[in-house]
């Protein structure tokens, strides 16, 4: 009986692990435990510059430095807007964007081809976007003031037209934000305003 039992145990070893306990030498208790399946190991990406796993190329300082030496400079915006469906005629104030961005060429009074260092921009999620042209856009605000934006980057894949706060300040503009919206001032005079819409600030325009 012992020989038969040992043979049976050997055959079942491939299916699971057996734990045998003795109760005062009278009875044997057998408990079968199943071995959990081995999880698949996910292969991590390797950086081309540092050859390190998990170090993505888009976050690599060495790669960005190399691009800078080659003459490729990048501008940044604080959010990614290309996944949101927004009316193309609306314009939004963005304090994190370093450039003005338009998804349409409507209102462009002039345009030029981007230089070598202006071909691409990066969003806050490191998504790279192609710049088609750069121009000057004229916006008629609700209060009648004509806001002229210089060096507007035309990027069709974006879903919001962005007005960069940092690009307005050097020209004498000031923006006072509040809980419901904001006021746009030019040399201490209020020339426009906007509302807080879905956690973003939309400037009020004059539409015929």
N, C-alpha and C. Protein backbone atom coordinates (compact mmCIF):
# COMPACT_ATOMS: atom_id res chain seq x y z
N UNK A 1 0.82 -1.21 0.00
CA UNK A 1 0.00 0.00 0.00
C UNK A 1 0.87 1.27 0.00
N UNK A 2 1.99 1.21 0.76
CA UNK A 2 2.89 2.38 0.80
C UNK A 2 3.53 2.63 -0.55
N UNK A 3 3.93 1.53 -1.24
CA UNK A 3 4.53 1.67 -2.56
C UNK A 3 3.56 2.27 -3.54
N UNK A 4 2.29 1.81 -3.51
CA UNK A 4 1.27 2.35 -4.40
C UNK A 4 1.01 3.83 -4.11
N UNK A 5 0.98 4.16 -2.82
CA UNK A 5 0.75 5.55 -2.44
C UNK A 5 1.87 6.46 -2.91
N UNK A 6 3.12 6.00 -2.79
CA UNK A 6 4.25 6.79 -3.25
C UNK A 6 4.19 7.01 -4.76
N UNK A 7 3.79 5.98 -5.51
CA UNK A 7 3.67 6.13 -6.96
C UNK A 7 2.61 7.13 -7.35
N UNK A 8 1.49 7.08 -6.60
CA UNK A 8 0.42 8.04 -6.89
C UNK A 8 0.86 9.47 -6.59
N UNK A 9 1.60 9.63 -5.51
CA UNK A 9 2.08 10.97 -5.16
C UNK A 9 3.03 11.54 -6.21
N UNK A 10 3.89 10.69 -6.76
CA UNK A 10 4.83 11.14 -7.79
C UNK A 10 4.08 11.61 -9.02
N UNK A 11 3.00 10.90 -9.41
CA UNK A 11 2.23 11.28 -10.59
C UNK A 11 1.51 12.61 -10.40
N UNK A 12 1.07 12.89 -9.17
CA UNK A 12 0.32 14.12 -8.93
C UNK A 12 1.20 15.31 -8.61
N UNK A 13 2.51 15.12 -8.49
CA UNK A 13 3.41 16.22 -8.18
C UNK A 13 3.41 17.30 -9.26
N UNK A 14 3.20 16.88 -10.52
CA UNK A 14 3.20 17.85 -11.62
C UNK A 14 1.96 18.72 -11.62
N UNK A 15 0.88 18.25 -10.96
CA UNK A 15 -0.37 19.01 -10.95
C UNK A 15 -0.49 19.93 -9.74
N UNK A 16 0.20 19.62 -8.69
CA UNK A 16 0.07 20.45 -7.49
C UNK A 16 1.03 19.99 -6.42
N UNK A 17 0.99 20.64 -5.28
CA UNK A 17 1.84 20.31 -4.16
C UNK A 17 0.99 19.69 -3.06
N UNK A 18 1.42 18.55 -2.51
CA UNK A 18 0.67 17.85 -1.47
C UNK A 18 1.30 18.11 -0.12
N UNK A 19 0.48 18.40 0.85
CA UNK A 19 0.94 18.55 2.22
C UNK A 19 0.35 17.41 3.04
N UNK A 20 1.21 16.61 3.66
CA UNK A 20 0.76 15.45 4.43
C UNK A 20 0.99 15.74 5.90
N UNK A 21 -0.05 15.60 6.69
CA UNK A 21 0.06 15.80 8.14
C UNK A 21 -0.33 14.52 8.85
N UNK A 22 0.26 14.26 9.98
CA UNK A 22 -0.01 13.05 10.77
C UNK A 22 -0.76 13.43 12.03
N UNK A 23 -1.77 12.61 12.38
CA UNK A 23 -2.55 12.81 13.60
C UNK A 23 -2.34 11.62 14.52
N UNK A 24 -1.28 11.71 15.39
CA UNK A 24 -0.95 10.66 16.35
C UNK A 24 -0.70 9.32 15.67
N UNK A 25 -0.26 9.30 14.46
CA UNK A 25 0.06 8.08 13.75
C UNK A 25 -1.13 7.25 13.34
N UNK A 26 -2.36 7.81 13.50
CA UNK A 26 -3.54 7.01 13.19
C UNK A 26 -4.11 7.34 11.82
N UNK A 27 -4.13 8.61 11.49
CA UNK A 27 -4.79 8.99 10.26
C UNK A 27 -3.94 10.00 9.52
N UNK A 28 -3.97 10.00 8.20
CA UNK A 28 -3.24 10.95 7.36
C UNK A 28 -4.23 11.88 6.68
N UNK A 29 -3.91 13.13 6.76
CA UNK A 29 -4.75 14.13 6.12
C UNK A 29 -3.99 14.72 4.96
N UNK A 30 -4.60 14.73 3.80
CA UNK A 30 -3.95 15.24 2.59
C UNK A 30 -4.68 16.49 2.11
N UNK A 31 -3.93 17.55 1.93
CA UNK A 31 -4.51 18.81 1.44
C UNK A 31 -3.79 19.21 0.16
N UNK A 32 -4.54 19.39 -0.90
CA UNK A 32 -3.97 19.72 -2.20
C UNK A 32 -3.97 21.23 -2.41
N UNK A 33 -2.80 21.77 -2.73
CA UNK A 33 -2.65 23.20 -2.98
C UNK A 33 -2.22 23.42 -4.43
N UNK A 34 -2.95 24.26 -5.13
CA UNK A 34 -2.63 24.55 -6.53
C UNK A 34 -1.60 25.65 -6.63
N UNK A 35 -0.63 25.48 -7.48
CA UNK A 35 0.40 26.50 -7.71
C UNK A 35 -0.17 27.59 -8.60
N UNK A 36 -0.14 28.86 -8.16
CA UNK A 36 -0.71 29.95 -8.99
C UNK A 36 0.06 30.11 -10.28
N UNK A 37 -0.63 30.51 -11.36
CA UNK A 37 0.05 30.69 -12.65
C UNK A 37 1.05 31.84 -12.58
N UNK A 38 2.13 31.73 -13.34
CA UNK A 38 3.17 32.75 -13.36
C UNK A 38 2.74 33.90 -14.26
N UNK A 39 2.76 35.11 -13.71
CA UNK A 39 2.35 36.29 -14.48
C UNK A 39 3.36 36.60 -15.57
N UNK A 40 2.85 37.14 -16.66
CA UNK A 40 3.73 37.50 -17.77
C UNK A 40 4.56 38.72 -17.39
N UNK A 41 5.81 38.69 -17.72
CA UNK A 41 6.71 39.80 -17.42
C UNK A 41 6.66 40.81 -18.55
N UNK A 42 6.28 42.05 -18.20
CA UNK A 42 6.17 43.10 -19.21
C UNK A 42 7.55 43.65 -19.54
N UNK A 43 7.86 43.70 -20.80
CA UNK A 43 9.16 44.19 -21.24
C UNK A 43 9.16 45.71 -21.22
N UNK A 44 10.14 46.30 -20.51
CA UNK A 44 10.23 47.75 -20.42
C UNK A 44 10.99 48.32 -21.62
N UNK A 45 10.58 49.54 -21.99
CA UNK A 45 11.27 50.22 -23.10
C UNK A 45 12.65 50.66 -22.65
N UNK A 46 13.57 50.73 -23.59
CA UNK A 46 14.95 51.12 -23.31
C UNK A 46 15.26 52.43 -24.01
N UNK A 47 15.86 53.36 -23.27
CA UNK A 47 16.23 54.65 -23.83
C UNK A 47 17.39 54.48 -24.80
N UNK A 48 17.32 55.16 -25.94
CA UNK A 48 18.36 55.06 -26.95
C UNK A 48 19.65 55.77 -26.51
N UNK A 49 19.52 56.78 -25.64
CA UNK A 49 20.69 57.55 -25.22
C UNK A 49 21.40 56.93 -24.02
N UNK A 50 20.63 56.57 -22.99
CA UNK A 50 21.23 56.04 -21.77
C UNK A 50 21.20 54.52 -21.69
N UNK A 51 20.46 53.87 -22.58
CA UNK A 51 20.32 52.41 -22.58
C UNK A 51 19.75 51.90 -21.26
N UNK A 52 18.86 52.67 -20.66
CA UNK A 52 18.26 52.27 -19.41
C UNK A 52 16.81 51.87 -19.63
N UNK A 53 16.39 50.81 -18.95
CA UNK A 53 15.02 50.36 -19.06
C UNK A 53 14.09 51.31 -18.30
N UNK A 54 12.93 51.55 -18.88
CA UNK A 54 11.96 52.43 -18.26
C UNK A 54 12.25 53.90 -18.41
N UNK A 55 13.35 54.24 -19.07
CA UNK A 55 13.73 55.66 -19.28
C UNK A 55 13.31 56.03 -20.69
N UNK A 56 12.13 56.66 -20.81
CA UNK A 56 11.56 56.93 -22.11
C UNK A 56 12.31 58.02 -22.85
N UNK A 57 12.36 57.91 -24.16
CA UNK A 57 13.09 58.87 -25.00
C UNK A 57 12.51 60.27 -24.89
N UNK A 58 11.18 60.36 -24.77
CA UNK A 58 10.55 61.68 -24.74
C UNK A 58 10.86 62.43 -23.45
N UNK A 59 11.28 61.71 -22.37
CA UNK A 59 11.64 62.35 -21.12
C UNK A 59 13.14 62.45 -20.92
N UNK A 60 13.90 62.10 -21.93
CA UNK A 60 15.36 62.00 -21.80
C UNK A 60 16.01 63.38 -21.94
N UNK A 61 16.72 63.80 -20.90
CA UNK A 61 17.40 65.11 -20.93
C UNK A 61 18.50 65.13 -21.98
N UNK A 62 19.24 64.02 -22.09
CA UNK A 62 20.33 63.94 -23.06
C UNK A 62 19.81 64.07 -24.48
N UNK A 63 18.66 63.45 -24.75
CA UNK A 63 18.07 63.52 -26.10
C UNK A 63 17.61 64.94 -26.42
N UNK A 64 17.00 65.62 -25.42
CA UNK A 64 16.54 66.99 -25.65
C UNK A 64 17.72 67.93 -25.84
N UNK A 65 18.82 67.69 -25.10
CA UNK A 65 20.02 68.51 -25.26
C UNK A 65 20.61 68.34 -26.65
N UNK A 66 20.61 67.10 -27.14
CA UNK A 66 21.10 66.83 -28.49
C UNK A 66 20.26 67.55 -29.54
N UNK A 67 18.92 67.59 -29.33
CA UNK A 67 18.05 68.30 -30.25
C UNK A 67 18.36 69.80 -30.25
N UNK A 68 18.66 70.33 -29.04
CA UNK A 68 18.98 71.74 -28.94
C UNK A 68 20.25 72.10 -29.69
N UNK A 69 21.26 71.22 -29.63
CA UNK A 69 22.52 71.46 -30.35
C UNK A 69 22.32 71.38 -31.85
N UNK A 70 21.32 70.60 -32.27
CA UNK A 70 21.03 70.49 -33.70
C UNK A 70 20.19 71.65 -34.21
N UNK A 71 19.74 72.52 -33.29
CA UNK A 71 18.97 73.69 -33.71
C UNK A 71 17.47 73.51 -33.59
N UNK A 72 17.03 72.44 -32.92
CA UNK A 72 15.60 72.20 -32.76
C UNK A 72 15.18 72.67 -31.37
N UNK A 73 14.52 73.81 -31.28
CA UNK A 73 14.01 74.30 -30.01
C UNK A 73 12.51 74.07 -29.97
N UNK A 74 11.99 73.85 -28.78
CA UNK A 74 10.58 73.51 -28.66
C UNK A 74 9.88 74.47 -27.71
N UNK A 75 8.62 74.77 -28.03
CA UNK A 75 7.77 75.52 -27.13
C UNK A 75 6.86 74.53 -26.42
N UNK A 76 6.26 74.98 -25.31
CA UNK A 76 5.46 74.08 -24.51
C UNK A 76 4.10 74.68 -24.20
N UNK A 77 3.10 73.81 -24.06
CA UNK A 77 1.78 74.20 -23.58
C UNK A 77 1.46 73.31 -22.39
N UNK A 78 0.62 73.83 -21.49
CA UNK A 78 0.43 73.14 -20.22
C UNK A 78 -0.48 71.92 -20.30
N UNK A 79 -1.38 71.86 -21.29
CA UNK A 79 -2.32 70.76 -21.36
C UNK A 79 -2.36 70.19 -22.76
N UNK A 80 -2.94 69.02 -22.86
CA UNK A 80 -3.18 68.42 -24.17
C UNK A 80 -4.64 68.65 -24.51
N UNK A 81 -4.91 69.30 -25.66
CA UNK A 81 -6.27 69.66 -26.00
C UNK A 81 -6.80 68.90 -27.22
N UNK A 82 -5.99 68.07 -27.83
CA UNK A 82 -6.40 67.50 -29.10
C UNK A 82 -7.46 66.42 -28.96
N UNK A 83 -7.80 66.00 -27.73
CA UNK A 83 -8.81 64.97 -27.53
C UNK A 83 -10.16 65.57 -27.13
N UNK A 84 -10.29 66.92 -27.17
CA UNK A 84 -11.50 67.57 -26.72
C UNK A 84 -12.18 68.26 -27.89
N UNK A 85 -13.49 68.11 -27.99
CA UNK A 85 -14.25 68.73 -29.08
C UNK A 85 -14.70 70.12 -28.64
N UNK A 86 -14.10 71.17 -29.23
CA UNK A 86 -14.38 72.55 -28.85
C UNK A 86 -14.74 73.34 -30.11
N UNK A 87 -15.66 74.32 -29.98
CA UNK A 87 -16.00 75.19 -31.11
C UNK A 87 -14.76 75.93 -31.57
N UNK A 88 -14.46 75.87 -32.87
CA UNK A 88 -13.18 76.37 -33.38
C UNK A 88 -13.06 77.89 -33.32
N UNK A 89 -14.17 78.63 -33.15
CA UNK A 89 -14.10 80.09 -33.10
C UNK A 89 -13.82 80.63 -31.70
N UNK A 90 -13.78 79.79 -30.71
CA UNK A 90 -13.56 80.26 -29.34
C UNK A 90 -12.06 80.31 -29.03
N UNK A 91 -11.70 81.26 -28.15
CA UNK A 91 -10.30 81.42 -27.75
C UNK A 91 -10.21 81.34 -26.24
N UNK A 92 -9.12 80.74 -25.76
CA UNK A 92 -8.98 80.44 -24.33
C UNK A 92 -7.66 80.97 -23.80
N UNK A 93 -7.73 81.53 -22.58
CA UNK A 93 -6.53 82.05 -21.92
C UNK A 93 -5.78 80.89 -21.26
N UNK A 94 -4.48 80.80 -21.52
CA UNK A 94 -3.67 79.73 -20.94
C UNK A 94 -2.41 80.32 -20.32
N UNK A 95 -2.32 80.25 -18.99
CA UNK A 95 -1.16 80.81 -18.28
C UNK A 95 0.06 79.91 -18.37
N UNK A 96 -0.12 78.66 -18.83
CA UNK A 96 1.01 77.74 -18.92
C UNK A 96 1.62 77.64 -20.29
N UNK A 97 0.94 78.18 -21.29
CA UNK A 97 1.45 78.11 -22.66
C UNK A 97 2.49 79.20 -22.91
N UNK A 98 3.55 78.86 -23.60
CA UNK A 98 4.60 79.84 -23.92
C UNK A 98 4.40 80.47 -25.29
N UNK A 99 3.36 80.06 -26.03
CA UNK A 99 3.08 80.60 -27.36
C UNK A 99 1.57 80.70 -27.57
N UNK A 100 1.16 81.53 -28.55
CA UNK A 100 -0.23 81.55 -28.99
C UNK A 100 -0.43 80.40 -29.98
N UNK A 101 -1.57 79.72 -29.88
CA UNK A 101 -1.84 78.58 -30.77
C UNK A 101 -3.23 78.71 -31.36
N UNK A 102 -3.35 78.43 -32.66
CA UNK A 102 -4.64 78.46 -33.32
C UNK A 102 -4.84 77.16 -34.11
N UNK A 103 -6.06 76.65 -34.07
CA UNK A 103 -6.39 75.45 -34.84
C UNK A 103 -7.01 75.80 -36.19
N UNK A 104 -7.17 77.12 -36.44
CA UNK A 104 -7.73 77.59 -37.70
C UNK A 104 -6.98 78.84 -38.14
N UNK A 105 -6.95 79.09 -39.43
CA UNK A 105 -6.28 80.28 -39.96
C UNK A 105 -7.24 81.45 -40.13
N UNK A 106 -8.45 81.31 -39.62
CA UNK A 106 -9.43 82.39 -39.69
C UNK A 106 -8.94 83.58 -38.87
N UNK A 107 -8.91 84.75 -39.48
CA UNK A 107 -8.46 85.95 -38.79
C UNK A 107 -6.98 86.23 -38.95
N UNK A 108 -6.26 85.38 -39.68
CA UNK A 108 -4.83 85.62 -39.91
C UNK A 108 -4.66 86.76 -40.91
N UNK A 109 -3.94 87.81 -40.51
CA UNK A 109 -3.67 88.92 -41.42
C UNK A 109 -2.36 88.75 -42.16
N UNK A 110 -1.48 87.91 -41.65
CA UNK A 110 -0.21 87.61 -42.32
C UNK A 110 0.25 86.23 -41.87
N UNK A 111 1.17 85.66 -42.63
CA UNK A 111 1.67 84.33 -42.26
C UNK A 111 3.07 84.12 -42.85
N UNK A 112 3.79 83.19 -42.24
CA UNK A 112 5.13 82.81 -42.71
C UNK A 112 5.37 81.35 -42.38
N UNK A 113 6.37 80.78 -43.01
CA UNK A 113 6.74 79.40 -42.72
C UNK A 113 7.57 79.34 -41.43
N UNK A 114 7.37 78.32 -40.61
CA UNK A 114 8.16 78.21 -39.37
C UNK A 114 9.63 77.98 -39.67
N UNK A 115 10.49 78.53 -38.84
CA UNK A 115 11.93 78.32 -38.99
C UNK A 115 12.29 76.93 -38.47
N UNK A 116 13.58 76.60 -38.55
CA UNK A 116 14.03 75.27 -38.14
C UNK A 116 13.72 74.98 -36.68
N UNK A 117 13.81 75.98 -35.84
CA UNK A 117 13.55 75.78 -34.42
C UNK A 117 12.10 75.95 -34.03
N UNK A 118 11.19 76.15 -35.00
CA UNK A 118 9.78 76.35 -34.71
C UNK A 118 8.89 75.29 -35.33
N UNK A 119 9.47 74.21 -35.77
CA UNK A 119 8.70 73.18 -36.49
C UNK A 119 7.78 72.36 -35.60
N UNK A 120 8.14 72.22 -34.32
CA UNK A 120 7.38 71.35 -33.43
C UNK A 120 7.18 72.05 -32.08
N UNK A 121 6.09 71.63 -31.39
CA UNK A 121 5.87 72.06 -30.01
C UNK A 121 5.53 70.81 -29.18
N UNK A 122 5.72 70.92 -27.87
CA UNK A 122 5.40 69.84 -26.96
C UNK A 122 4.26 70.25 -26.04
N UNK A 123 3.30 69.33 -25.83
CA UNK A 123 2.23 69.54 -24.86
C UNK A 123 2.72 69.10 -23.49
N UNK A 124 1.87 69.32 -22.49
CA UNK A 124 2.25 68.94 -21.14
C UNK A 124 2.45 67.46 -20.96
N UNK A 125 1.83 66.64 -21.82
CA UNK A 125 2.00 65.19 -21.72
C UNK A 125 3.11 64.70 -22.66
N UNK A 126 3.97 65.62 -23.12
CA UNK A 126 5.11 65.33 -23.98
C UNK A 126 4.70 64.92 -25.40
N UNK A 127 3.47 65.19 -25.78
CA UNK A 127 3.03 64.90 -27.14
C UNK A 127 3.59 65.95 -28.09
N UNK A 128 4.20 65.52 -29.19
CA UNK A 128 4.82 66.43 -30.15
C UNK A 128 3.81 66.76 -31.26
N UNK A 129 3.70 68.05 -31.60
CA UNK A 129 2.76 68.49 -32.64
C UNK A 129 3.50 69.30 -33.70
N UNK A 130 3.08 69.12 -34.94
CA UNK A 130 3.71 69.81 -36.08
C UNK A 130 3.09 71.19 -36.28
N UNK A 131 3.94 72.20 -36.47
CA UNK A 131 3.50 73.56 -36.74
C UNK A 131 3.46 73.76 -38.26
N UNK A 132 2.29 74.16 -38.79
CA UNK A 132 2.12 74.32 -40.23
C UNK A 132 2.63 75.69 -40.68
N UNK A 133 2.07 76.75 -40.13
CA UNK A 133 2.51 78.11 -40.43
C UNK A 133 2.46 78.94 -39.15
N UNK A 134 3.08 80.12 -39.19
CA UNK A 134 3.05 81.07 -38.07
C UNK A 134 2.59 82.40 -38.62
N UNK A 135 1.65 83.04 -37.94
CA UNK A 135 1.12 84.30 -38.47
C UNK A 135 0.62 85.22 -37.39
N UNK A 136 -0.04 86.30 -37.83
CA UNK A 136 -0.64 87.29 -36.94
C UNK A 136 -2.15 87.17 -37.01
N UNK A 137 -2.77 87.04 -35.84
CA UNK A 137 -4.23 86.87 -35.78
C UNK A 137 -4.86 88.07 -35.09
N UNK A 138 -5.95 88.56 -35.66
CA UNK A 138 -6.66 89.71 -35.08
C UNK A 138 -7.99 89.24 -34.52
N UNK A 139 -8.20 89.49 -33.22
CA UNK A 139 -9.43 89.10 -32.55
C UNK A 139 -10.20 90.35 -32.13
N UNK A 140 -11.48 90.40 -32.47
CA UNK A 140 -12.33 91.51 -32.04
C UNK A 140 -13.04 91.07 -30.77
N UNK A 141 -12.71 91.74 -29.66
CA UNK A 141 -13.30 91.37 -28.38
C UNK A 141 -14.72 91.91 -28.25
N UNK A 142 -15.44 91.40 -27.29
CA UNK A 142 -16.85 91.77 -27.10
C UNK A 142 -17.02 93.26 -26.81
N UNK A 143 -16.01 93.87 -26.21
CA UNK A 143 -16.08 95.30 -25.87
C UNK A 143 -15.60 96.17 -27.02
N UNK A 144 -15.29 95.59 -28.19
CA UNK A 144 -14.90 96.35 -29.37
C UNK A 144 -13.40 96.50 -29.56
N UNK A 145 -12.62 96.10 -28.60
CA UNK A 145 -11.17 96.21 -28.69
C UNK A 145 -10.62 95.15 -29.64
N UNK A 146 -9.66 95.55 -30.51
CA UNK A 146 -9.04 94.60 -31.44
C UNK A 146 -7.74 94.11 -30.82
N UNK A 147 -7.72 92.82 -30.51
CA UNK A 147 -6.53 92.21 -29.92
C UNK A 147 -5.71 91.55 -31.02
N UNK A 148 -4.51 92.07 -31.23
CA UNK A 148 -3.62 91.54 -32.27
C UNK A 148 -2.59 90.61 -31.63
N UNK A 149 -2.63 89.36 -32.05
CA UNK A 149 -1.71 88.35 -31.52
C UNK A 149 -0.62 88.07 -32.55
N UNK A 150 0.62 88.33 -32.17
CA UNK A 150 1.74 88.08 -33.07
C UNK A 150 2.32 86.69 -32.85
N UNK A 151 2.89 86.14 -33.90
CA UNK A 151 3.53 84.82 -33.84
C UNK A 151 2.58 83.75 -33.30
N UNK A 152 1.43 83.63 -33.94
CA UNK A 152 0.46 82.59 -33.60
C UNK A 152 0.82 81.32 -34.37
N UNK A 153 0.96 80.20 -33.66
CA UNK A 153 1.32 78.93 -34.27
C UNK A 153 0.05 78.21 -34.74
N UNK A 154 -0.03 77.97 -36.05
CA UNK A 154 -1.19 77.26 -36.60
C UNK A 154 -0.94 75.75 -36.52
N UNK A 155 -1.72 75.08 -35.65
CA UNK A 155 -1.59 73.63 -35.44
C UNK A 155 -2.99 73.03 -35.55
N UNK A 156 -3.37 72.49 -36.71
CA UNK A 156 -4.73 72.00 -36.93
C UNK A 156 -5.18 70.90 -35.99
N UNK A 157 -4.26 70.08 -35.47
CA UNK A 157 -4.65 68.95 -34.64
C UNK A 157 -5.07 69.36 -33.24
N UNK A 158 -4.82 70.61 -32.85
CA UNK A 158 -5.27 71.09 -31.55
C UNK A 158 -6.77 71.37 -31.60
N UNK A 159 -7.43 71.31 -30.44
CA UNK A 159 -8.87 71.55 -30.38
C UNK A 159 -9.22 72.87 -29.73
N UNK A 160 -8.25 73.57 -29.15
CA UNK A 160 -8.50 74.88 -28.57
C UNK A 160 -7.54 75.92 -29.16
N UNK A 161 -8.07 77.12 -29.37
CA UNK A 161 -7.23 78.26 -29.71
C UNK A 161 -6.74 78.87 -28.40
N UNK A 162 -5.44 78.98 -28.23
CA UNK A 162 -4.87 79.40 -26.95
C UNK A 162 -4.22 80.77 -27.04
N UNK A 163 -4.49 81.61 -26.05
CA UNK A 163 -3.83 82.90 -25.90
C UNK A 163 -2.86 82.78 -24.74
N UNK A 164 -1.60 82.95 -25.01
CA UNK A 164 -0.57 82.82 -23.99
C UNK A 164 -0.49 84.08 -23.13
N UNK A 165 -0.64 83.91 -21.82
CA UNK A 165 -0.55 85.05 -20.90
C UNK A 165 0.84 85.65 -20.93
N UNK A 166 1.87 84.79 -20.95
CA UNK A 166 3.25 85.28 -20.92
C UNK A 166 3.61 86.07 -22.18
N UNK A 167 2.89 85.85 -23.30
CA UNK A 167 3.14 86.61 -24.52
C UNK A 167 2.41 87.95 -24.52
N UNK A 168 1.37 88.10 -23.69
CA UNK A 168 0.61 89.36 -23.64
C UNK A 168 1.25 90.38 -22.70
N UNK A 169 1.78 89.88 -21.59
CA UNK A 169 2.31 90.77 -20.54
C UNK A 169 3.34 91.79 -21.06
N UNK A 170 4.32 91.40 -21.90
CA UNK A 170 5.32 92.37 -22.36
C UNK A 170 4.75 93.53 -23.19
N UNK A 171 3.51 93.38 -23.70
CA UNK A 171 2.91 94.43 -24.54
C UNK A 171 1.97 95.34 -23.76
N UNK A 172 2.04 95.28 -22.42
CA UNK A 172 1.25 96.18 -21.60
C UNK A 172 -0.09 95.63 -21.15
N UNK A 173 -0.34 94.34 -21.36
CA UNK A 173 -1.61 93.74 -20.95
C UNK A 173 -1.50 93.17 -19.54
N UNK A 174 -2.62 93.18 -18.86
CA UNK A 174 -2.73 92.59 -17.52
C UNK A 174 -4.03 91.80 -17.47
N UNK A 175 -4.00 90.66 -16.78
CA UNK A 175 -5.20 89.83 -16.64
C UNK A 175 -5.49 89.65 -15.15
N UNK A 176 -6.69 90.06 -14.75
CA UNK A 176 -7.13 89.88 -13.37
C UNK A 176 -8.16 88.75 -13.31
N UNK A 177 -7.77 87.64 -12.69
CA UNK A 177 -8.64 86.48 -12.60
C UNK A 177 -9.51 86.56 -11.34
N UNK A 178 -10.71 86.02 -11.44
CA UNK A 178 -11.60 85.91 -10.27
C UNK A 178 -12.34 84.57 -10.34
N UNK A 179 -13.26 84.35 -9.43
CA UNK A 179 -13.93 83.05 -9.34
C UNK A 179 -14.87 82.76 -10.51
N UNK A 180 -15.33 83.80 -11.19
CA UNK A 180 -16.27 83.59 -12.30
C UNK A 180 -15.66 83.82 -13.67
N UNK A 181 -14.47 84.44 -13.72
CA UNK A 181 -13.86 84.71 -15.02
C UNK A 181 -12.62 85.58 -14.87
N UNK A 182 -12.48 86.58 -15.76
CA UNK A 182 -11.32 87.46 -15.70
C UNK A 182 -11.59 88.74 -16.46
N UNK A 183 -10.77 89.75 -16.19
CA UNK A 183 -10.78 91.02 -16.93
C UNK A 183 -9.44 91.19 -17.62
N UNK A 184 -9.48 91.60 -18.89
CA UNK A 184 -8.26 91.88 -19.65
C UNK A 184 -8.06 93.39 -19.69
N UNK A 185 -6.91 93.84 -19.20
CA UNK A 185 -6.61 95.26 -19.15
C UNK A 185 -5.43 95.59 -20.06
N UNK A 186 -5.54 96.74 -20.74
CA UNK A 186 -4.44 97.24 -21.55
C UNK A 186 -4.07 98.62 -21.02
N UNK A 187 -2.88 98.71 -20.44
CA UNK A 187 -2.41 99.96 -19.82
C UNK A 187 -3.42 100.47 -18.80
N UNK A 188 -3.83 99.56 -17.91
CA UNK A 188 -4.73 99.83 -16.77
C UNK A 188 -6.18 100.07 -17.18
N UNK A 189 -6.52 99.91 -18.46
CA UNK A 189 -7.90 100.09 -18.91
C UNK A 189 -8.49 98.74 -19.31
N UNK A 190 -9.70 98.45 -18.82
CA UNK A 190 -10.35 97.19 -19.15
C UNK A 190 -10.79 97.21 -20.61
N UNK A 191 -10.28 96.27 -21.40
CA UNK A 191 -10.62 96.21 -22.82
C UNK A 191 -11.33 94.91 -23.19
N UNK A 192 -11.38 93.96 -22.28
CA UNK A 192 -12.04 92.69 -22.56
C UNK A 192 -12.26 91.91 -21.28
N UNK A 193 -13.00 90.83 -21.41
CA UNK A 193 -13.27 89.98 -20.26
C UNK A 193 -13.55 88.56 -20.73
N UNK A 194 -13.74 87.69 -19.78
CA UNK A 194 -14.01 86.30 -20.12
C UNK A 194 -14.67 85.57 -18.97
N UNK A 195 -15.05 84.34 -19.23
CA UNK A 195 -15.78 83.54 -18.24
C UNK A 195 -15.04 82.25 -17.97
N UNK A 196 -15.30 81.69 -16.79
CA UNK A 196 -14.75 80.38 -16.43
C UNK A 196 -15.70 79.33 -16.96
N UNK A 197 -15.22 78.53 -17.89
CA UNK A 197 -16.05 77.52 -18.55
C UNK A 197 -15.38 76.17 -18.45
N UNK A 198 -15.98 75.26 -17.66
CA UNK A 198 -15.46 73.90 -17.53
C UNK A 198 -13.99 73.90 -17.11
N UNK A 199 -13.68 74.73 -16.11
CA UNK A 199 -12.34 74.84 -15.51
C UNK A 199 -11.33 75.53 -16.42
N UNK A 200 -11.79 76.14 -17.54
CA UNK A 200 -10.91 76.89 -18.42
C UNK A 200 -11.48 78.29 -18.63
N UNK A 201 -10.60 79.26 -18.90
CA UNK A 201 -11.01 80.65 -19.07
C UNK A 201 -11.18 80.98 -20.55
N UNK A 202 -12.41 81.28 -20.94
CA UNK A 202 -12.73 81.61 -22.34
C UNK A 202 -12.93 83.12 -22.47
N UNK A 203 -12.26 83.72 -23.45
CA UNK A 203 -12.38 85.16 -23.66
C UNK A 203 -13.63 85.44 -24.50
N UNK A 204 -14.33 86.52 -24.17
CA UNK A 204 -15.55 86.89 -24.87
C UNK A 204 -15.20 87.66 -26.15
N UNK A 205 -15.68 87.16 -27.28
CA UNK A 205 -15.41 87.78 -28.58
C UNK A 205 -16.67 88.40 -29.14
N UNK A 206 -16.48 89.32 -30.11
CA UNK A 206 -17.61 89.96 -30.80
C UNK A 206 -17.89 89.17 -32.08
N UNK A 207 -19.11 88.62 -32.16
CA UNK A 207 -19.51 87.87 -33.35
C UNK A 207 -20.63 88.60 -34.06
N UNK A 208 -20.48 88.74 -35.37
CA UNK A 208 -21.50 89.42 -36.18
C UNK A 208 -22.66 88.47 -36.43
